[in-house]
Protein backbone atom coordinates (compact mmCIF):
# COMPACT_ATOMS: atom_id res chain seq x y z
CA MET A 1 155.29 79.31 101.09
CA GLU A 2 153.99 81.21 98.21
CA LEU A 3 151.03 78.77 97.94
CA LEU A 4 150.02 79.50 101.56
CA VAL A 5 150.15 83.27 100.81
CA VAL A 6 147.97 82.87 97.71
CA ILE A 7 145.40 80.70 99.89
CA ALA A 8 145.45 83.40 102.55
CA ILE A 9 144.82 86.12 100.04
CA ILE A 10 141.93 84.06 98.49
CA GLY A 11 140.50 83.51 101.94
CA VAL A 12 140.54 87.27 102.64
CA LEU A 13 138.92 88.00 99.37
CA ILE A 14 136.18 85.48 99.95
CA ALA A 15 135.55 87.03 103.46
CA LEU A 16 135.26 90.51 101.83
CA LEU A 17 132.98 89.39 99.00
CA LEU A 18 130.68 87.23 101.11
CA PRO A 19 128.86 90.12 102.70
CA ALA A 20 128.35 91.80 99.31
CA VAL A 21 126.90 88.74 97.78
CA GLN A 22 124.56 88.26 100.67
CA GLN A 23 123.43 91.88 100.41
CA ALA A 24 122.88 91.39 96.68
CA ARG A 25 120.74 88.32 97.23
CA GLU A 26 118.68 90.14 99.87
CA ALA A 27 118.34 93.07 97.57
CA ALA A 28 116.93 90.72 94.88
CA ARG A 29 114.55 89.06 97.43
CA ARG A 30 113.35 92.35 98.61
CA MET A 31 112.66 93.43 95.12
CA GLN A 32 110.64 90.28 94.57
CA CYS A 33 108.68 90.83 97.75
CA THR A 34 107.91 94.38 96.51
CA ASN A 35 106.77 93.01 93.22
CA ASN A 36 104.51 90.50 94.93
CA LEU A 37 102.87 93.39 96.87
CA LYS A 38 102.54 95.44 93.78
CA GLN A 39 100.60 92.58 92.09
CA ILE A 40 98.39 92.20 95.04
CA GLY A 41 97.73 96.02 95.07
CA LEU A 42 96.70 95.72 91.32
CA ALA A 43 94.53 92.78 92.13
CA LEU A 44 92.64 94.70 94.82
CA HIS A 45 92.12 97.55 92.57
CA ASN A 46 90.82 95.08 89.92
CA HIS A 47 88.48 93.59 92.47
CA HIS A 48 87.19 97.23 93.38
CA ASP A 49 86.57 97.83 89.51
CA THR A 50 84.69 94.71 89.23
CA TYR A 51 82.63 94.68 92.38
CA LYS A 52 82.74 98.47 93.25
CA ARG A 53 84.39 97.58 96.59
CA PHE A 54 87.34 95.93 98.04
CA PRO A 55 87.27 92.33 99.18
CA PRO A 56 86.62 91.65 102.93
CA GLY A 57 89.62 91.32 105.03
CA GLY A 58 87.97 88.01 106.07
CA ALA A 59 84.40 86.95 105.72
CA GLN A 60 81.91 84.57 106.95
CA ASP A 61 80.13 82.45 104.27
CA GLN A 62 77.17 84.80 104.15
CA PRO A 63 75.89 87.00 101.35
CA PRO A 64 77.45 88.83 99.60
CA PHE A 65 80.57 86.84 100.48
CA GLY A 66 79.16 83.29 100.49
CA ALA A 67 76.09 81.16 100.02
CA ASP A 68 75.34 80.10 103.52
CA ALA A 69 72.74 81.92 105.66
CA LYS A 70 73.83 84.94 107.90
CA ASP A 71 74.94 83.83 111.32
CA SER A 72 75.75 80.26 110.11
CA THR A 73 78.90 80.18 112.19
CA ASN A 74 80.91 78.83 109.32
CA TRP A 75 84.48 80.09 108.67
CA GLY A 76 84.57 81.97 105.36
CA SER A 77 87.43 82.91 103.26
CA SER A 78 90.08 85.49 103.40
CA TRP A 79 90.78 88.51 101.26
CA MET A 80 93.51 86.43 99.50
CA VAL A 81 90.76 84.03 98.18
CA TYR A 82 88.62 86.86 96.75
CA ILE A 83 91.51 88.33 94.71
CA LEU A 84 92.55 84.94 93.22
CA PRO A 85 91.11 85.93 89.63
CA PHE A 86 93.16 88.91 89.64
CA VAL A 87 96.47 87.29 90.49
CA GLU A 88 96.25 84.95 87.63
CA GLU A 89 94.85 82.08 89.91
CA GLY A 90 91.48 81.89 88.31
CA ALA A 91 91.74 78.10 88.03
CA ILE A 92 91.61 77.89 91.82
CA TYR A 93 88.89 80.53 92.20
CA ASP A 94 86.65 78.76 89.72
CA LYS A 95 86.65 75.53 91.72
CA TRP A 96 86.12 77.35 95.08
CA GLN A 97 82.95 76.73 97.01
CA PHE A 98 81.89 79.70 99.11
CA ASN A 99 79.92 77.62 101.63
CA GLY A 100 80.42 75.04 104.37
CA SER A 101 83.44 76.84 106.01
CA SER A 102 84.89 77.66 102.65
CA GLY A 103 88.13 79.11 104.02
CA VAL A 104 89.05 76.07 106.12
CA PHE A 105 87.03 72.95 106.47
CA ASN A 106 85.27 72.62 103.01
CA THR A 107 86.91 69.47 101.67
CA ASN A 108 86.53 70.50 98.00
CA ASN A 109 88.60 73.77 98.67
CA ARG A 110 91.22 71.98 100.81
CA SER A 111 91.79 69.58 97.92
CA VAL A 112 91.99 72.38 95.38
CA VAL A 113 94.98 74.09 97.06
CA SER A 114 96.46 70.96 98.71
CA GLY A 115 100.23 71.13 98.63
CA ASN A 116 100.40 74.57 96.81
CA THR A 117 102.71 77.01 98.65
CA MET A 118 101.00 80.12 97.18
CA GLU A 119 104.29 81.73 96.28
CA LYS A 120 102.56 84.91 95.14
CA TYR A 121 101.55 85.50 98.86
CA CYS A 122 105.04 84.76 100.23
CA CYS A 123 108.09 86.82 100.86
CA PRO A 124 111.19 85.06 99.48
CA SER A 125 113.37 86.40 102.45
CA SER A 126 111.12 84.66 104.99
CA PRO A 127 112.51 81.74 107.00
CA LEU A 128 109.12 80.62 108.13
CA PRO A 129 107.72 77.21 107.06
CA ASP A 130 105.76 77.00 103.93
CA PHE A 131 102.75 74.97 105.46
CA CYS A 132 100.58 75.52 108.58
CA THR A 133 100.33 73.23 111.64
CA GLN A 134 96.71 72.25 111.83
CA ILE A 135 96.24 71.29 108.09
CA SER A 136 99.69 70.18 106.87
CA THR A 137 98.84 70.50 103.19
CA GLN A 138 97.65 74.10 103.33
CA ALA A 139 100.07 76.95 102.79
CA SER A 140 100.87 79.50 105.47
CA VAL A 141 101.84 82.69 103.87
CA ASN A 142 103.54 86.10 104.79
CA TYR A 143 101.30 88.88 103.74
CA VAL A 144 98.61 90.12 106.00
CA GLY A 145 95.64 92.48 105.59
CA VAL A 146 95.76 95.60 107.81
CA SER A 147 92.24 96.05 109.42
CA GLY A 148 93.15 99.28 111.43
CA ALA A 149 94.72 100.44 114.60
CA ASP A 150 93.87 99.99 118.29
CA ASN A 151 92.31 103.05 120.22
CA GLY A 152 94.67 105.25 122.11
CA LEU A 153 97.59 105.29 119.65
CA ILE A 154 96.76 108.45 117.87
CA SER A 155 97.13 111.56 119.95
CA GLY A 156 93.95 113.59 120.16
CA TYR A 157 91.87 111.06 118.35
CA THR A 158 89.45 108.49 119.69
CA GLU A 159 88.95 105.17 117.74
CA SER A 160 85.51 103.75 118.41
CA ARG A 161 85.60 100.91 115.90
CA VAL A 162 87.46 98.44 118.10
CA ILE A 163 86.39 95.49 120.08
CA HIS A 164 88.32 93.39 122.57
CA ALA A 165 87.28 89.78 121.77
CA PRO A 166 87.64 86.86 124.17
CA ARG A 167 89.76 85.24 121.60
CA GLY A 168 92.05 87.19 119.34
CA GLY A 169 92.73 90.51 121.24
CA LYS A 170 91.96 93.83 119.93
CA MET A 171 90.21 94.07 116.47
CA SER A 172 89.61 97.31 114.56
CA ALA A 173 87.48 98.19 111.61
CA SER A 174 89.26 101.43 111.01
CA GLY A 175 91.41 100.25 108.06
CA LEU A 176 90.91 98.88 104.62
CA LEU A 177 90.61 95.04 105.19
CA TYR A 178 88.71 94.05 108.27
CA PRO A 179 86.13 91.28 109.05
CA ASN A 180 83.28 91.31 106.58
CA SER A 181 84.45 94.75 105.18
CA LYS A 182 83.02 96.32 102.16
CA THR A 183 85.30 99.34 101.83
CA ARG A 184 85.66 101.48 98.74
CA PHE A 185 88.14 104.17 97.52
CA ALA A 186 85.81 106.85 98.87
CA ASP A 187 86.25 105.33 102.38
CA MET A 188 89.95 106.35 102.40
CA ALA A 189 89.21 109.80 103.30
CA ASP A 190 92.82 110.43 104.35
CA GLY A 191 93.94 109.51 100.82
CA THR A 192 94.93 106.35 99.17
CA SER A 193 98.59 107.01 99.59
CA ASN A 194 98.13 107.46 103.34
CA THR A 195 96.37 104.16 103.99
CA LEU A 196 98.01 100.84 104.70
CA ALA A 197 96.49 97.84 102.91
CA VAL A 198 98.75 95.01 103.25
CA SER A 199 102.14 94.32 104.85
CA GLU A 200 104.24 91.41 106.35
CA HIS A 201 104.33 88.73 108.87
CA SER A 202 107.70 87.09 107.59
CA ASN A 203 109.91 86.48 110.68
CA PHE A 204 109.96 84.43 113.72
CA LEU A 205 109.18 85.96 117.02
CA THR A 206 110.94 84.94 120.15
CA ASN A 207 109.91 84.33 123.67
CA SER A 208 111.83 85.56 126.91
CA SER A 209 114.07 82.45 126.69
CA GLY A 210 114.97 83.22 123.05
CA THR A 211 112.89 80.32 121.53
CA LYS A 212 111.72 80.95 118.10
CA LEU A 213 107.86 81.31 117.61
CA ASP A 214 105.99 81.08 114.35
CA TYR A 215 103.30 83.66 115.00
CA ARG A 216 101.61 85.03 111.96
CA ALA A 217 98.02 85.50 111.06
CA SER A 218 97.92 82.51 108.71
CA GLN A 219 100.17 80.06 110.55
CA VAL A 220 97.68 77.72 112.23
CA TRP A 221 94.90 77.33 109.70
CA GLY A 222 96.43 78.69 106.43
CA TRP A 223 96.02 81.61 104.03
CA ALA A 224 92.35 80.95 103.03
CA ILE A 225 90.52 81.23 106.32
CA GLY A 226 88.57 84.30 107.08
CA VAL A 227 86.27 84.81 110.12
CA LYS A 228 83.49 83.00 111.91
CA SER A 229 81.68 86.13 113.00
CA SER A 230 78.93 87.68 110.99
CA ASP A 231 79.55 91.35 111.66
CA SER A 232 82.38 93.87 111.96
CA PRO A 233 83.90 95.78 114.92
CA PRO A 234 82.75 97.17 117.07
CA ASP A 235 79.33 95.66 116.39
CA MET A 236 80.43 91.97 116.44
CA THR A 237 78.48 89.77 118.68
CA LEU A 238 81.00 88.49 121.19
CA ASN A 239 81.08 84.69 121.37
CA SER A 240 83.64 82.05 122.25
CA ASP A 241 85.48 82.63 118.84
CA ASN A 242 85.95 85.97 117.27
CA ARG A 243 89.29 85.46 115.77
CA SER A 244 90.32 87.34 112.61
CA MET A 245 92.57 85.15 110.53
CA ASN A 246 94.95 86.77 107.98
CA MET A 247 94.43 90.27 109.24
CA THR A 248 96.20 92.39 111.89
CA THR A 249 95.04 95.36 113.96
CA ILE A 250 98.12 97.72 114.62
CA ARG A 251 98.85 97.71 118.30
CA TYR A 252 102.72 97.60 118.46
CA THR A 253 105.71 98.80 116.66
CA ILE A 254 107.28 97.26 113.64
CA ASN A 255 109.71 94.27 114.20
CA LYS A 256 108.83 94.18 117.90
CA THR A 257 109.85 90.52 117.88
CA LYS A 258 111.28 89.73 121.26
CA GLY A 259 109.71 88.62 124.50
CA TRP A 260 106.43 87.28 123.49
CA SER A 261 104.24 84.42 124.85
CA ASP A 262 101.07 82.94 123.50
CA ASP A 263 98.40 85.26 124.74
CA GLU A 264 95.84 85.94 122.11
CA SER A 265 93.21 87.30 124.45
CA GLY A 266 95.57 89.82 126.39
CA THR A 267 98.37 91.02 124.17
CA GLY A 268 96.64 89.70 121.15
CA VAL A 269 99.98 88.00 119.99
CA GLY A 270 99.85 84.20 119.78
CA ASN A 271 99.77 81.29 117.33
CA ASP A 272 96.11 80.67 116.72
CA GLY A 273 94.24 83.75 115.31
CA ALA A 274 95.70 86.49 117.45
CA ALA A 275 94.78 89.89 116.03
CA ASN A 276 97.76 91.98 117.02
CA ILE A 277 100.89 90.28 115.80
CA PRO A 278 103.36 93.09 114.96
CA LEU A 279 104.33 93.68 111.36
CA ASN A 280 107.67 92.08 110.91
CA SER A 281 110.17 90.82 108.29
CA THR A 282 113.84 89.74 107.94
CA HIS A 283 114.50 92.75 105.51
CA PRO A 284 117.06 94.82 107.42
CA GLY A 285 115.40 97.68 109.31
CA GLY A 286 111.80 97.45 108.42
CA VAL A 287 108.96 95.87 106.30
CA SER A 288 107.59 96.21 102.86
CA ALA A 289 104.06 97.69 102.77
CA LEU A 290 101.32 98.12 100.23
CA LEU A 291 99.25 101.34 100.38
CA GLY A 292 95.81 102.07 99.17
CA ASP A 293 97.01 103.70 95.94
CA GLY A 294 98.69 100.49 94.87
CA SER A 295 102.16 101.75 95.68
CA VAL A 296 104.70 99.79 97.82
CA ARG A 297 106.77 101.45 100.32
CA PHE A 298 109.60 100.25 102.74
CA ILE A 299 108.50 101.26 106.20
CA ALA A 300 111.49 101.55 108.65
CA GLU A 301 111.04 99.93 112.12
CA THR A 302 111.84 103.29 113.69
CA ILE A 303 108.54 104.74 112.56
CA PRO A 304 106.71 106.08 115.61
CA LEU A 305 103.72 104.02 116.73
CA ASP A 306 101.28 106.85 116.31
CA THR A 307 102.43 107.50 112.75
CA LEU A 308 102.06 103.81 112.04
CA ALA A 309 98.58 103.86 113.48
CA ARG A 310 97.52 106.96 111.33
CA LEU A 311 98.75 104.92 108.22
CA ALA A 312 96.58 102.00 109.38
CA THR A 313 93.48 104.19 109.89
CA ARG A 314 91.78 105.28 106.73
CA ASP A 315 89.87 108.25 107.90
CA ASP A 316 91.25 109.80 111.19
CA GLY A 317 91.91 113.19 109.52
CA GLN A 318 95.34 113.48 111.01
CA VAL A 319 98.51 114.62 109.33
CA ILE A 320 100.95 111.76 108.93
CA GLY A 321 104.12 113.69 108.04
CA ASP A 322 107.39 112.17 106.79
CA TYR A 323 108.20 108.47 107.68
């Protein structure tokens, strides 16, 4: 009898301790996620110190981002490629060829990173697969550049740097990292601490039936791909493929994860280069986010959409307030 009582007590203690252990593990994972973003922030700043501008959110292989001719229609590289020397991945960068669709189809570049999970660009709390679907040896990651916000989200303010592409959805150039961008510190007129740079695509989305969907900006083609277009919104020449990989334009609230379908042209949410996938994570209550000054904040999912849009816009002149 006494043995049964002891076993029962142990069972109760385990039941009480398990949530605390899980919370401690999540706290450690969130801390690592924060540190990853801090290192990315330092890398962005070091890139600016070296080149007098931030990297493009995603580029075509054209000068000054690559060696192909302008309008070559080759997929260039993402912002994560350009900061490689500043996140202690110079060995990859030194072998990278910035031509011939450098971010996805260049055979040299694909072999250089084959099988590498790129942990520096991944949130340890994410349940999503390590590799993308189209190129099984290329990593799909969890951090995404913020290219700006859609028009109509900020009260009393008109955002004109937006284009609605046949593929991709709404793409903005009002943020820090957008297609073929060359932004500088001076372009963050609202202040570096009031401008979003990078955040998370770290959790599954679900459809109306509850089926899990791996929709993130890097999922299909991997972390290295940029854009095929040669210009930036709103001056991009519309063609059959204006997708903006590894970037997101704010259009929806944080952790709006339910009820989606693959509709990259309409809602801008889907599994192949959709531009409006909501910021999301498995961290309870919000996402980790890197700001232009290099600081990392946890942004609650309860933040009003207009406040989030102000944060994503570098120069709207609006007061953000507390969040």
